[in-house]
Amino acid sequence: MREAFGIKITPLARSTTNYGGYVATARSQLDEASFAEAWSEGHAMTTEEAVEYALAEDEAAASYLSPRTVGQHLRSIYRKLGVSSRAAAKEALERGMI
């Protein structure tokens, strides 16, 4: 999204979203080739595909994530997209706002 929309992520935004921590965690759980492949795949996604992917239910994740954890992740995604709900995110996408 940073490249697609020319959004500059400030150091404050990086620190409050723990961007570096999430990247480091993902990198530590994959070998370098798998990480590079996943990074490329994510980089190639459209905004719509990224939102759909983020909101999709993963069977493995569903087995240990509580509804509260899922809700927290969704709120984080909505905050980053500047919307208040899944319906608002869908509407914003359809109108080309995000």
PDB file of N, CA and C in Angstrom:
ATOM      1  N   MET A   1       0.824  -1.176   0.000  1.00  0.00           N
ATOM      2  CA  MET A   1       0.000   0.000   0.000  1.00  0.00           C
ATOM      3  C   MET A   1       0.873   1.246   0.000  1.00  0.00           C
ATOM      4  N   ARG A   2       2.012   1.143   0.681  1.00  0.00           N
ATOM      5  CA  ARG A   2       2.923   2.280   0.740  1.00  0.00           C
ATOM      6  C   ARG A   2       3.324   2.694  -0.666  1.00  0.00           C
ATOM      7  N   GLU A   3       3.664   1.727  -1.499  1.00  0.00           N
ATOM      8  CA  GLU A   3       4.088   2.045  -2.856  1.00  0.00           C
ATOM      9  C   GLU A   3       2.909   2.396  -3.753  1.00  0.00           C
ATOM     10  N   ALA A   4       1.811   1.697  -3.595  1.00  0.00           N
ATOM     11  CA  ALA A   4       0.649   1.921  -4.458  1.00  0.00           C
ATOM     12  C   ALA A   4       0.049   3.308  -4.270  1.00  0.00           C
ATOM     13  N   PHE A   5       0.023   3.797  -3.030  1.00  0.00           N
ATOM     14  CA  PHE A   5      -0.623   5.071  -2.750  1.00  0.00           C
ATOM     15  C   PHE A   5       0.362   6.178  -2.397  1.00  0.00           C
ATOM     16  N   GLY A   6       1.652   5.857  -2.372  1.00  0.00           N
ATOM     17  CA  GLY A   6       2.645   6.869  -2.039  1.00  0.00           C
ATOM     18  C   GLY A   6       2.566   7.338  -0.599  1.00  0.00           C
ATOM     19  N   ILE A   7       2.106   6.449   0.271  1.00  0.00           N
ATOM     20  CA  ILE A   7       1.963   6.799   1.680  1.00  0.00           C
ATOM     21  C   ILE A   7       3.309   6.619   2.364  1.00  0.00           C
ATOM     22  N   LYS A   8       3.751   7.657   3.051  1.00  0.00           N
ATOM     23  CA  LYS A   8       4.994   7.562   3.800  1.00  0.00           C
ATOM     24  C   LYS A   8       4.666   7.098   5.217  1.00  0.00           C
ATOM     25  N   ILE A   9       5.293   6.027   5.617  1.00  0.00           N
ATOM     26  CA  ILE A   9       5.078   5.511   6.963  1.00  0.00           C
ATOM     27  C   ILE A   9       6.104   6.166   7.873  1.00  0.00           C
ATOM     28  N   THR A  10       5.606   6.950   8.788  1.00  0.00           N
ATOM     29  CA  THR A  10       6.494   7.685   9.678  1.00  0.00           C
ATOM     30  C   THR A  10       7.091   6.754  10.727  1.00  0.00           C
ATOM     31  N   PRO A  11       8.209   7.164  11.337  1.00  0.00           N
ATOM     32  CA  PRO A  11       8.781   6.349  12.415  1.00  0.00           C
ATOM     33  C   PRO A  11       7.781   6.121  13.547  1.00  0.00           C
ATOM     34  N   LEU A  12       6.952   7.113  13.837  1.00  0.00           N
ATOM     35  CA  LEU A  12       5.951   6.953  14.898  1.00  0.00           C
ATOM     36  C   LEU A  12       4.946   5.864  14.512  1.00  0.00           C
ATOM     37  N   ALA A  13       4.475   5.892  13.260  1.00  0.00           N
ATOM     38  CA  ALA A  13       3.527   4.873  12.808  1.00  0.00           C
ATOM     39  C   ALA A  13       4.166   3.495  12.854  1.00  0.00           C
ATOM     40  N   ARG A  14       5.426   3.409  12.445  1.00  0.00           N
ATOM     41  CA  ARG A  14       6.120   2.114  12.495  1.00  0.00           C
ATOM     42  C   ARG A  14       6.223   1.605  13.923  1.00  0.00           C
ATOM     43  N   SER A  15       6.501   2.508  14.855  1.00  0.00           N
ATOM     44  CA  SER A  15       6.674   2.071  16.238  1.00  0.00           C
ATOM     45  C   SER A  15       5.344   1.706  16.880  1.00  0.00           C
ATOM     46  N   THR A  16       4.270   2.419  16.549  1.00  0.00           N
ATOM     47  CA  THR A  16       2.979   2.118  17.168  1.00  0.00           C
ATOM     48  C   THR A  16       2.316   0.897  16.555  1.00  0.00           C
ATOM     49  N   THR A  17       2.665   0.542  15.339  1.00  0.00           N
ATOM     50  CA  THR A  17       2.080  -0.645  14.715  1.00  0.00           C
ATOM     51  C   THR A  17       2.986  -1.861  14.849  1.00  0.00           C
ATOM     52  N   ASN A  18       4.197  -1.677  15.367  1.00  0.00           N
ATOM     53  CA  ASN A  18       5.175  -2.749  15.540  1.00  0.00           C
ATOM     54  C   ASN A  18       5.495  -3.438  14.211  1.00  0.00           C
ATOM     55  N   TYR A  19       5.552  -2.666  13.147  1.00  0.00           N
ATOM     56  CA  TYR A  19       5.824  -3.192  11.810  1.00  0.00           C
ATOM     57  C   TYR A  19       7.080  -4.059  11.799  1.00  0.00           C
ATOM     58  N   GLY A  20       8.172  -3.520  12.337  1.00  0.00           N
ATOM     59  CA  GLY A  20       9.439  -4.252  12.344  1.00  0.00           C
ATOM     60  C   GLY A  20       9.345  -5.559  13.120  1.00  0.00           C
ATOM     61  N   GLY A  21       8.610  -5.534  14.211  1.00  0.00           N
ATOM     62  CA  GLY A  21       8.436  -6.741  15.016  1.00  0.00           C
ATOM     63  C   GLY A  21       7.679  -7.825  14.273  1.00  0.00           C
ATOM     64  N   TYR A  22       6.626  -7.430  13.555  1.00  0.00           N
ATOM     65  CA  TYR A  22       5.851  -8.403  12.785  1.00  0.00           C
ATOM     66  C   TYR A  22       6.684  -8.998  11.656  1.00  0.00           C
ATOM     67  N   VAL A  23       7.462  -8.149  10.989  1.00  0.00           N
ATOM     68  CA  VAL A  23       8.313  -8.646   9.905  1.00  0.00           C
ATOM     69  C   VAL A  23       9.360  -9.603  10.481  1.00  0.00           C
ATOM     70  N   ALA A  24       9.971  -9.230  11.602  1.00  0.00           N
ATOM     71  CA  ALA A  24      10.987 -10.079  12.219  1.00  0.00           C
ATOM     72  C   ALA A  24      10.394 -11.423  12.657  1.00  0.00           C
ATOM     73  N   THR A  25       9.193 -11.397  13.213  1.00  0.00           N
ATOM     74  CA  THR A  25       8.543 -12.639  13.632  1.00  0.00           C
ATOM     75  C   THR A  25       8.264 -13.538  12.434  1.00  0.00           C
ATOM     76  N   ALA A  26       7.718 -12.960  11.371  1.00  0.00           N
ATOM     77  CA  ALA A  26       7.445 -13.755  10.169  1.00  0.00           C
ATOM     78  C   ALA A  26       8.737 -14.308   9.597  1.00  0.00           C
ATOM     79  N   ARG A  27       9.775 -13.484   9.550  1.00  0.00           N
ATOM     80  CA  ARG A  27      11.063 -13.910   8.998  1.00  0.00           C
ATOM     81  C   ARG A  27      11.649 -15.051   9.833  1.00  0.00           C
ATOM     82  N   SER A  28      11.476 -15.004  11.148  1.00  0.00           N
ATOM     83  CA  SER A  28      12.057 -16.026  12.022  1.00  0.00           C
ATOM     84  C   SER A  28      11.334 -17.375  11.907  1.00  0.00           C
ATOM     85  N   GLN A  29      10.098 -17.361  11.416  1.00  0.00           N
ATOM     86  CA  GLN A  29       9.326 -18.592  11.336  1.00  0.00           C
ATOM     87  C   GLN A  29       9.421 -19.276   9.973  1.00  0.00           C
ATOM     88  N   LEU A  30      10.129 -18.651   9.046  1.00  0.00           N
ATOM     89  CA  LEU A  30      10.278 -19.202   7.701  1.00  0.00           C
ATOM     90  C   LEU A  30      11.746 -19.217   7.302  1.00  0.00           C
ATOM     91  N   ASP A  31      12.100 -20.133   6.422  1.00  0.00           N
ATOM     92  CA  ASP A  31      13.445 -20.062   5.870  1.00  0.00           C
ATOM     93  C   ASP A  31      13.473 -18.888   4.888  1.00  0.00           C
ATOM     94  N   GLU A  32      14.658 -18.454   4.507  1.00  0.00           N
ATOM     95  CA  GLU A  32      14.800 -17.245   3.688  1.00  0.00           C
ATOM     96  C   GLU A  32      14.057 -17.345   2.360  1.00  0.00           C
ATOM     97  N   ALA A  33      14.103 -18.496   1.706  1.00  0.00           N
ATOM     98  CA  ALA A  33      13.417 -18.663   0.416  1.00  0.00           C
ATOM     99  C   ALA A  33      11.904 -18.561   0.587  1.00  0.00           C
ATOM    100  N   SER A  34      11.364 -19.186   1.633  1.00  0.00           N
ATOM    101  CA  SER A  34       9.919 -19.133   1.873  1.00  0.00           C
ATOM    102  C   SER A  34       9.478 -17.724   2.220  1.00  0.00           C
ATOM    103  N   PHE A  35      10.287 -17.033   3.032  1.00  0.00           N
ATOM    104  CA  PHE A  35       9.958 -15.648   3.379  1.00  0.00           C
ATOM    105  C   PHE A  35       9.958 -14.775   2.123  1.00  0.00           C
ATOM    106  N   ALA A  36      10.988 -14.921   1.296  1.00  0.00           N
ATOM    107  CA  ALA A  36      11.082 -14.119   0.064  1.00  0.00           C
ATOM    108  C   ALA A  36       9.885 -14.382  -0.847  1.00  0.00           C
ATOM    109  N   GLU A  37       9.468 -15.639  -0.942  1.00  0.00           N
ATOM    110  CA  GLU A  37       8.317 -15.992  -1.771  1.00  0.00           C
ATOM    111  C   GLU A  37       7.033 -15.371  -1.218  1.00  0.00           C
ATOM    112  N   ALA A  38       6.839 -15.481   0.099  1.00  0.00           N
ATOM    113  CA  ALA A  38       5.647 -14.907   0.724  1.00  0.00           C
ATOM    114  C   ALA A  38       5.651 -13.390   0.600  1.00  0.00           C
ATOM    115  N   TRP A  39       6.811 -12.774   0.775  1.00  0.00           N
ATOM    116  CA  TRP A  39       6.933 -11.318   0.665  1.00  0.00           C
ATOM    117  C   TRP A  39       6.559 -10.876  -0.750  1.00  0.00           C
ATOM    118  N   SER A  40       7.058 -11.586  -1.753  1.00  0.00           N
ATOM    119  CA  SER A  40       6.756 -11.252  -3.146  1.00  0.00           C
ATOM    120  C   SER A  40       5.268 -11.423  -3.440  1.00  0.00           C
ATOM    121  N   GLU A  41       4.702 -12.503  -2.921  1.00  0.00           N
ATOM    122  CA  GLU A  41       3.277 -12.749  -3.124  1.00  0.00           C
ATOM    123  C   GLU A  41       2.445 -11.627  -2.517  1.00  0.00           C
ATOM    124  N   GLY A  42       2.776 -11.235  -1.299  1.00  0.00           N
ATOM    125  CA  GLY A  42       2.052 -10.141  -0.648  1.00  0.00           C
ATOM    126  C   GLY A  42       2.255  -8.826  -1.380  1.00  0.00           C
ATOM    127  N   HIS A  43       3.454  -8.592  -1.832  1.00  0.00           N
ATOM    128  CA  HIS A  43       3.778  -7.354  -2.547  1.00  0.00           C
ATOM    129  C   HIS A  43       2.986  -7.248  -3.839  1.00  0.00           C
ATOM    130  N   ALA A  44       2.690  -8.378  -4.465  1.00  0.00           N
ATOM    131  CA  ALA A  44       1.976  -8.388  -5.747  1.00  0.00           C
ATOM    132  C   ALA A  44       0.463  -8.266  -5.583  1.00  0.00           C
ATOM    133  N   MET A  45      -0.047  -8.384  -4.354  1.00  0.00           N
ATOM    134  CA  MET A  45      -1.494  -8.325  -4.129  1.00  0.00           C
ATOM    135  C   MET A  45      -2.029  -6.912  -4.336  1.00  0.00           C
ATOM    136  N   THR A  46      -3.243  -6.863  -4.844  1.00  0.00           N
ATOM    137  CA  THR A  46      -3.948  -5.583  -4.894  1.00  0.00           C
ATOM    138  C   THR A  46      -4.445  -5.290  -3.477  1.00  0.00           C
ATOM    139  N   THR A  47      -4.910  -4.076  -3.248  1.00  0.00           N
ATOM    140  CA  THR A  47      -5.457  -3.732  -1.934  1.00  0.00           C
ATOM    141  C   THR A  47      -6.631  -4.640  -1.601  1.00  0.00           C
ATOM    142  N   GLU A  48      -7.494  -4.868  -2.583  1.00  0.00           N
ATOM    143  CA  GLU A  48      -8.663  -5.723  -2.368  1.00  0.00           C
ATOM    144  C   GLU A  48      -8.245  -7.135  -1.975  1.00  0.00           C
ATOM    145  N   GLU A  49      -7.254  -7.667  -2.675  1.00  0.00           N
ATOM    146  CA  GLU A  49      -6.775  -9.021  -2.369  1.00  0.00           C
ATOM    147  C   GLU A  49      -6.159  -9.081  -0.973  1.00  0.00           C
ATOM    148  N   ALA A  50      -5.424  -8.038  -0.599  1.00  0.00           N
ATOM    149  CA  ALA A  50      -4.798  -8.010   0.722  1.00  0.00           C
ATOM    150  C   ALA A  50      -5.843  -7.965   1.827  1.00  0.00           C
ATOM    151  N   VAL A  51      -6.893  -7.165   1.636  1.00  0.00           N
ATOM    152  CA  VAL A  51      -7.971  -7.094   2.632  1.00  0.00           C
ATOM    153  C   VAL A  51      -8.690  -8.421   2.715  1.00  0.00           C
ATOM    154  N   GLU A  52      -9.006  -9.019   1.562  1.00  0.00           N
ATOM    155  CA  GLU A  52      -9.678 -10.316   1.543  1.00  0.00           C
ATOM    156  C   GLU A  52      -8.822 -11.368   2.254  1.00  0.00           C
ATOM    157  N   TYR A  53      -7.539 -11.359   1.973  1.00  0.00           N
ATOM    158  CA  TYR A  53      -6.619 -12.309   2.593  1.00  0.00           C
ATOM    159  C   TYR A  53      -6.583 -12.101   4.110  1.00  0.00           C
ATOM    160  N   ALA A  54      -6.517 -10.846   4.528  1.00  0.00           N
ATOM    161  CA  ALA A  54      -6.445 -10.540   5.961  1.00  0.00           C
ATOM    162  C   ALA A  54      -7.718 -10.947   6.692  1.00  0.00           C
ATOM    163  N   LEU A  55      -8.845 -10.864   6.011  1.00  0.00           N
ATOM    164  CA  LEU A  55     -10.121 -11.178   6.650  1.00  0.00           C
ATOM    165  C   LEU A  55     -10.528 -12.645   6.511  1.00  0.00           C
ATOM    166  N   ALA A  56      -9.825 -13.385   5.662  1.00  0.00           N
ATOM    167  CA  ALA A  56     -10.156 -14.792   5.449  1.00  0.00           C
ATOM    168  C   ALA A  56      -9.878 -15.606   6.703  1.00  0.00           C
ATOM    169  N   GLU A  57     -10.691 -16.615   6.902  1.00  0.00           N
ATOM    170  CA  GLU A  57     -10.506 -17.491   8.061  1.00  0.00           C
ATOM    171  C   GLU A  57      -9.519 -18.591   7.704  1.00  0.00           C
ATOM    172  N   ASP A  58      -8.493 -18.699   8.495  1.00  0.00           N
ATOM    173  CA  ASP A  58      -7.470 -19.729   8.313  1.00  0.00           C
ATOM    174  C   ASP A  58      -7.778 -20.850   9.293  1.00  0.00           C
ATOM    175  N   GLU A  59      -7.951 -22.068   8.790  1.00  0.00           N
ATOM    176  CA  GLU A  59      -8.319 -23.191   9.663  1.00  0.00           C
ATOM    177  C   GLU A  59      -7.318 -23.402  10.786  1.00  0.00           C
ATOM    178  N   ALA A  60      -6.025 -23.303  10.480  1.00  0.00           N
ATOM    179  CA  ALA A  60      -5.012 -23.499  11.520  1.00  0.00           C
ATOM    180  C   ALA A  60      -5.106 -22.391  12.560  1.00  0.00           C
ATOM    181  N   ALA A  61      -5.275 -21.156  12.108  1.00  0.00           N
ATOM    182  CA  ALA A  61      -5.367 -20.034  13.032  1.00  0.00           C
ATOM    183  C   ALA A  61      -6.657 -20.120  13.843  1.00  0.00           C
ATOM    184  N   ALA A  62      -7.732 -20.566  13.207  1.00  0.00           N
ATOM    185  CA  ALA A  62      -9.016 -20.643  13.892  1.00  0.00           C
ATOM    186  C   ALA A  62      -8.975 -21.632  15.053  1.00  0.00           C
ATOM    187  N   SER A  63      -8.062 -22.579  15.022  1.00  0.00           N
ATOM    188  CA  SER A  63      -8.009 -23.576  16.078  1.00  0.00           C
ATOM    189  C   SER A  63      -7.397 -23.051  17.371  1.00  0.00           C
ATOM    190  N   TYR A  64      -6.698 -21.924  17.318  1.00  0.00           N
ATOM    191  CA  TYR A  64      -6.126 -21.411  18.577  1.00  0.00           C
ATOM    192  C   TYR A  64      -6.380 -19.928  18.815  1.00  0.00           C
ATOM    193  N   LEU A  65      -6.986 -19.205  17.879  1.00  0.00           N
ATOM    194  CA  LEU A  65      -7.295 -17.799  18.100  1.00  0.00           C
ATOM    195  C   LEU A  65      -8.675 -17.675  18.737  1.00  0.00           C
ATOM    196  N   SER A  66      -8.745 -16.899  19.796  1.00  0.00           N
ATOM    197  CA  SER A  66     -10.036 -16.682  20.429  1.00  0.00           C
ATOM    198  C   SER A  66     -10.802 -15.601  19.661  1.00  0.00           C
ATOM    199  N   PRO A  67     -12.116 -15.543  19.823  1.00  0.00           N
ATOM    200  CA  PRO A  67     -12.889 -14.484  19.172  1.00  0.00           C
ATOM    201  C   PRO A  67     -12.385 -13.091  19.557  1.00  0.00           C
ATOM    202  N   ARG A  68     -11.938 -12.944  20.775  1.00  0.00           N
ATOM    203  CA  ARG A  68     -11.420 -11.645  21.225  1.00  0.00           C
ATOM    204  C   ARG A  68     -10.148 -11.277  20.457  1.00  0.00           C
ATOM    205  N   THR A  69      -9.262 -12.249  20.247  1.00  0.00           N
ATOM    206  CA  THR A  69      -8.036 -12.004  19.489  1.00  0.00           C
ATOM    207  C   THR A  69      -8.356 -11.617  18.052  1.00  0.00           C
ATOM    208  N   VAL A  70      -9.292 -12.336  17.453  1.00  0.00           N
ATOM    209  CA  VAL A  70      -9.705 -12.028  16.085  1.00  0.00           C
ATOM    210  C   VAL A  70     -10.263 -10.613  16.026  1.00  0.00           C
ATOM    211  N   GLY A  71     -11.099 -10.271  16.989  1.00  0.00           N
ATOM    212  CA  GLY A  71     -11.669  -8.918  17.043  1.00  0.00           C
ATOM    213  C   GLY A  71     -10.597  -7.853  17.147  1.00  0.00           C
ATOM    214  N   GLN A  72      -9.570  -8.111  17.943  1.00  0.00           N
ATOM    215  CA  GLN A  72      -8.476  -7.149  18.077  1.00  0.00           C
ATOM    216  C   GLN A  72      -7.733  -6.984  16.754  1.00  0.00           C
ATOM    217  N   HIS A  73      -7.498  -8.090  16.065  1.00  0.00           N
ATOM    218  CA  HIS A  73      -6.827  -8.015  14.763  1.00  0.00           C
ATOM    219  C   HIS A  73      -7.679  -7.244  13.757  1.00  0.00           C
ATOM    220  N   LEU A  74      -8.975  -7.514  13.745  1.00  0.00           N
ATOM    221  CA  LEU A  74      -9.859  -6.805  12.823  1.00  0.00           C
ATOM    222  C   LEU A  74      -9.871  -5.310  13.121  1.00  0.00           C
ATOM    223  N   ARG A  75      -9.943  -4.939  14.393  1.00  0.00           N
ATOM    224  CA  ARG A  75      -9.916  -3.512  14.744  1.00  0.00           C
ATOM    225  C   ARG A  75      -8.616  -2.863  14.281  1.00  0.00           C
ATOM    226  N   SER A  76      -7.525  -3.588  14.406  1.00  0.00           N
ATOM    227  CA  SER A  76      -6.236  -3.064  13.950  1.00  0.00           C
ATOM    228  C   SER A  76      -6.240  -2.848  12.441  1.00  0.00           C
ATOM    229  N   ILE A  77      -6.777  -3.802  11.700  1.00  0.00           N
ATOM    230  CA  ILE A  77      -6.857  -3.681  10.239  1.00  0.00           C
ATOM    231  C   ILE A  77      -7.746  -2.496   9.867  1.00  0.00           C
ATOM    232  N   TYR A  78      -8.904  -2.391  10.513  1.00  0.00           N
ATOM    233  CA  TYR A  78      -9.817  -1.289  10.207  1.00  0.00           C
ATOM    234  C   TYR A  78      -9.155   0.060  10.494  1.00  0.00           C
ATOM    235  N   ARG A  79      -8.452   0.144  11.629  1.00  0.00           N
ATOM    236  CA  ARG A  79      -7.773   1.397  11.984  1.00  0.00           C
ATOM    237  C   ARG A  79      -6.752   1.770  10.917  1.00  0.00           C
ATOM    238  N   LYS A  80      -5.990   0.789  10.455  1.00  0.00           N
ATOM    239  CA  LYS A  80      -4.976   1.055   9.433  1.00  0.00           C
ATOM    240  C   LYS A  80      -5.608   1.468   8.111  1.00  0.00           C
ATOM    241  N   LEU A  81      -6.799   0.946   7.823  1.00  0.00           N
ATOM    242  CA  LEU A  81      -7.496   1.311   6.592  1.00  0.00           C
ATOM    243  C   LEU A  81      -8.303   2.598   6.755  1.00  0.00           C
ATOM    244  N   GLY A  82      -8.449   3.051   7.990  1.00  0.00           N
ATOM    245  CA  GLY A  82      -9.216   4.273   8.240  1.00  0.00           C
ATOM    246  C   GLY A  82     -10.717   4.064   8.152  1.00  0.00           C
ATOM    247  N   VAL A  83     -11.180   2.852   8.496  1.00  0.00           N
ATOM    248  CA  VAL A  83     -12.610   2.532   8.474  1.00  0.00           C
ATOM    249  C   VAL A  83     -13.002   1.975   9.835  1.00  0.00           C
ATOM    250  N   SER A  84     -14.325   1.827  10.048  1.00  0.00           N
ATOM    251  CA  SER A  84     -14.775   1.375  11.360  1.00  0.00           C
ATOM    252  C   SER A  84     -15.328  -0.045  11.395  1.00  0.00           C
ATOM    253  N   SER A  85     -15.504  -0.655  10.225  1.00  0.00           N
ATOM    254  CA  SER A  85     -16.076  -2.006  10.210  1.00  0.00           C
ATOM    255  C   SER A  85     -15.781  -2.693   8.885  1.00  0.00           C
ATOM    256  N   ARG A  86     -16.098  -3.985   8.825  1.00  0.00           N
ATOM    257  CA  ARG A  86     -15.915  -4.756   7.590  1.00  0.00           C
ATOM    258  C   ARG A  86     -16.790  -4.172   6.482  1.00  0.00           C
ATOM    259  N   ALA A  87     -18.009  -3.798   6.839  1.00  0.00           N
ATOM    260  CA  ALA A  87     -18.909  -3.204   5.836  1.00  0.00           C
ATOM    261  C   ALA A  87     -18.329  -1.887   5.321  1.00  0.00           C
ATOM    262  N   ALA A  88     -17.767  -1.092   6.213  1.00  0.00           N
ATOM    263  CA  ALA A  88     -17.167   0.185   5.800  1.00  0.00           C
ATOM    264  C   ALA A  88     -15.955  -0.067   4.905  1.00  0.00           C
ATOM    265  N   ALA A  89     -15.170  -1.091   5.222  1.00  0.00           N
ATOM    266  CA  ALA A  89     -14.007  -1.421   4.397  1.00  0.00           C
ATOM    267  C   ALA A  89     -14.463  -1.849   2.999  1.00  0.00           C
ATOM    268  N   LYS A  90     -15.504  -2.672   2.920  1.00  0.00           N
ATOM    269  CA  LYS A  90     -16.014  -3.115   1.634  1.00  0.00           C
ATOM    270  C   LYS A  90     -16.552  -1.942   0.833  1.00  0.00           C
ATOM    271  N   GLU A  91     -17.298  -1.077   1.479  1.00  0.00           N
ATOM    272  CA  GLU A  91     -17.858   0.099   0.803  1.00  0.00           C
ATOM    273  C   GLU A  91     -16.743   1.015   0.299  1.00  0.00           C
ATOM    274  N   ALA A  92     -15.734   1.239   1.121  1.00  0.00           N
ATOM    275  CA  ALA A  92     -14.605   2.089   0.721  1.00  0.00           C
ATOM    276  C   ALA A  92     -13.872   1.494  -0.472  1.00  0.00           C
ATOM    277  N   LEU A  93     -13.694   0.168  -0.479  1.00  0.00           N
ATOM    278  CA  LEU A  93     -13.045  -0.495  -1.612  1.00  0.00           C
ATOM    279  C   LEU A  93     -13.883  -0.341  -2.887  1.00  0.00           C
ATOM    280  N   GLU A  94     -15.177  -0.559  -2.769  1.00  0.00           N
ATOM    281  CA  GLU A  94     -16.052  -0.454  -3.930  1.00  0.00           C
ATOM    282  C   GLU A  94     -16.075   0.950  -4.515  1.00  0.00           C
ATOM    283  N   ARG A  95     -15.923   1.946  -3.648  1.00  0.00           N
ATOM    284  CA  ARG A  95     -15.918   3.335  -4.115  1.00  0.00           C
ATOM    285  C   ARG A  95     -14.531   3.818  -4.517  1.00  0.00           C
ATOM    286  N   GLY A  96     -13.540   2.926  -4.405  1.00  0.00           N
ATOM    287  CA  GLY A  96     -12.182   3.294  -4.791  1.00  0.00           C
ATOM    288  C   GLY A  96     -11.508   4.244  -3.818  1.00  0.00           C
ATOM    289  N   MET A  97     -12.002   4.263  -2.593  1.00  0.00           N
ATOM    290  CA  MET A  97     -11.446   5.176  -1.591  1.00  0.00           C
ATOM    291  C   MET A  97     -10.186   4.614  -0.948  1.00  0.00           C
ATOM    292  N   ILE A  98     -10.061   3.306  -0.923  1.00  0.00           N
ATOM    293  CA  ILE A  98      -8.836   2.676  -0.401  1.00  0.00           C
ATOM    294  C   ILE A  98      -8.424   1.562  -1.334  1.00  0.00           C
TER     295      ILE A  98
END
